[in-house]
């Protein structure tokens, strides 16, 4: 993960003002975490609105720049979305995964 300027998604600094010389944020680093929102299909994806099928997030994992490889086996990087309803499946599930099990999505760089 790299956020060299220490900016939020909207372009503001995470913790204060910008350095007039290089325009980088000068105070605090960002508190970076990951959030998943599971919605119905949308032809144009929007960030707002309800998470119809659930949501989950990690705790703060790092600052402006960090690498998840060092904590690969750590459950801290895992977001679990428990399902309490039927989910249509058209493919064979991986070995060891049963229907009705929790959906676990480890955060990985693709």
Protein backbone atom coordinates (compact mmCIF):
# COMPACT_ATOMS: atom_id res chain seq x y z
CA UNK A 1 0.00 0.00 0.00
CA UNK A 2 1.39 3.37 -0.96
CA UNK A 3 -0.11 6.74 -0.18
CA UNK A 4 3.04 8.84 -0.49
CA UNK A 5 1.29 12.18 -0.05
CA UNK A 6 -0.75 11.07 2.99
CA UNK A 7 -4.08 12.04 1.42
CA UNK A 8 -7.65 10.93 1.95
CA UNK A 9 -9.76 9.76 -1.00
CA UNK A 10 -11.13 13.31 -1.40
CA UNK A 11 -7.60 14.78 -1.66
CA UNK A 12 -7.46 16.37 1.81
CA UNK A 13 -4.54 15.61 4.11
CA UNK A 14 -5.13 12.97 6.77
CA UNK A 15 -3.70 15.09 9.56
CA UNK A 16 -3.24 18.75 8.72
CA UNK A 17 -1.84 21.13 6.14
CA UNK A 18 0.41 20.73 3.10
CA UNK A 19 4.05 21.67 2.76
CA UNK A 20 4.04 24.68 0.38
CA UNK A 21 7.24 23.44 -1.32
CA UNK A 22 6.37 19.89 -2.37
CA UNK A 23 2.58 19.91 -1.63
CA UNK A 24 2.91 16.80 0.57
CA UNK A 25 0.91 16.54 3.78
CA UNK A 26 3.14 17.45 6.72
CA UNK A 27 1.50 16.35 9.99
CA UNK A 28 0.21 12.89 10.82
CA UNK A 29 0.19 9.79 8.62
CA UNK A 30 -3.13 8.29 7.56
CA UNK A 31 -4.67 5.49 9.65
CA UNK A 32 -5.17 3.00 6.82
CA UNK A 33 -7.72 0.20 6.96
CA UNK A 34 -9.76 -1.70 4.38
CA UNK A 35 -13.56 -1.84 4.18
CA UNK A 36 -15.75 -4.10 2.04
CA UNK A 37 -19.37 -3.31 1.21
CA UNK A 38 -21.31 -6.06 -0.54
CA UNK A 39 -24.16 -4.69 -2.67
CA UNK A 40 -26.43 -5.82 -5.42
CA UNK A 41 -25.17 -5.50 -9.01
CA UNK A 42 -24.79 -1.90 -10.16
CA UNK A 43 -24.00 -0.89 -13.73
CA UNK A 44 -22.45 2.28 -12.31
CA UNK A 45 -20.80 1.63 -8.95
CA UNK A 46 -21.44 4.19 -6.21
CA UNK A 47 -19.51 4.51 -2.95
CA UNK A 48 -22.56 5.57 -0.94
CA UNK A 49 -25.76 3.81 -0.04
CA UNK A 50 -26.51 0.73 2.01
CA UNK A 51 -24.44 -2.45 1.97
CA UNK A 52 -27.39 -4.71 1.11
CA UNK A 53 -25.57 -7.99 1.74
CA UNK A 54 -23.23 -6.94 4.54
CA UNK A 55 -20.04 -5.06 5.25
CA UNK A 56 -16.85 -5.55 7.16
CA UNK A 57 -13.53 -3.87 7.79
CA UNK A 58 -10.09 -4.45 9.19
CA UNK A 59 -8.65 -2.52 12.11
CA UNK A 60 -6.01 0.09 11.25
CA UNK A 61 -3.28 -1.89 9.47
CA UNK A 62 -0.67 0.78 8.81
CA UNK A 63 0.15 4.36 7.90
CA UNK A 64 0.83 5.91 4.50
CA UNK A 65 3.04 3.11 3.17
CA UNK A 66 3.17 -0.53 4.27
CA UNK A 67 3.42 -4.06 2.92
CA UNK A 68 0.96 -6.83 3.78
CA UNK A 69 3.35 -9.64 2.79
CA UNK A 70 4.96 -9.58 6.24
CA UNK A 71 1.62 -10.35 7.89
CA UNK A 72 0.31 -12.75 5.24
CA UNK A 73 -0.94 -15.42 7.68
CA UNK A 74 -2.31 -12.90 10.16
CA UNK A 75 -6.10 -12.97 10.60
CA UNK A 76 -5.93 -9.22 11.16
CA UNK A 77 -5.94 -8.82 7.35
CA UNK A 78 -9.11 -10.88 7.00
CA UNK A 79 -12.60 -9.49 6.46
CA UNK A 80 -15.42 -11.93 7.19
CA UNK A 81 -18.94 -11.34 5.88
CA UNK A 82 -21.29 -13.89 7.47
CA UNK A 83 -24.27 -14.79 5.27
CA UNK A 84 -27.64 -15.53 6.84
CA UNK A 85 -29.33 -16.16 3.49
CA UNK A 86 -28.94 -18.38 0.45
CA UNK A 87 -26.31 -17.28 -2.06
CA UNK A 88 -26.61 -18.55 -5.66
CA UNK A 89 -23.56 -20.58 -6.65
CA UNK A 90 -22.95 -21.69 -10.22
CA UNK A 91 -19.44 -23.11 -9.80
CA UNK A 92 -17.99 -25.94 -7.78
CA UNK A 93 -16.82 -24.68 -4.40
CA UNK A 94 -13.17 -25.22 -3.46
CA UNK A 95 -12.38 -28.36 -1.47
CA UNK A 96 -13.12 -27.89 2.22
CA UNK A 97 -15.69 -25.12 1.70
CA UNK A 98 -19.27 -26.08 2.44
CA UNK A 99 -22.43 -24.33 1.39
CA UNK A 100 -23.64 -22.01 4.13
CA UNK A 101 -20.11 -21.33 5.38
CA UNK A 102 -18.89 -17.81 6.06
CA UNK A 103 -17.31 -16.05 3.10
CA UNK A 104 -13.70 -15.19 3.96
CA UNK A 105 -11.77 -12.85 1.69
CA UNK A 106 -8.11 -12.45 2.65
CA UNK A 107 -6.72 -9.15 1.37
CA UNK A 108 -4.17 -9.91 -1.30
CA UNK A 109 -2.56 -7.94 -4.05
CA UNK A 110 -3.84 -9.24 -7.38
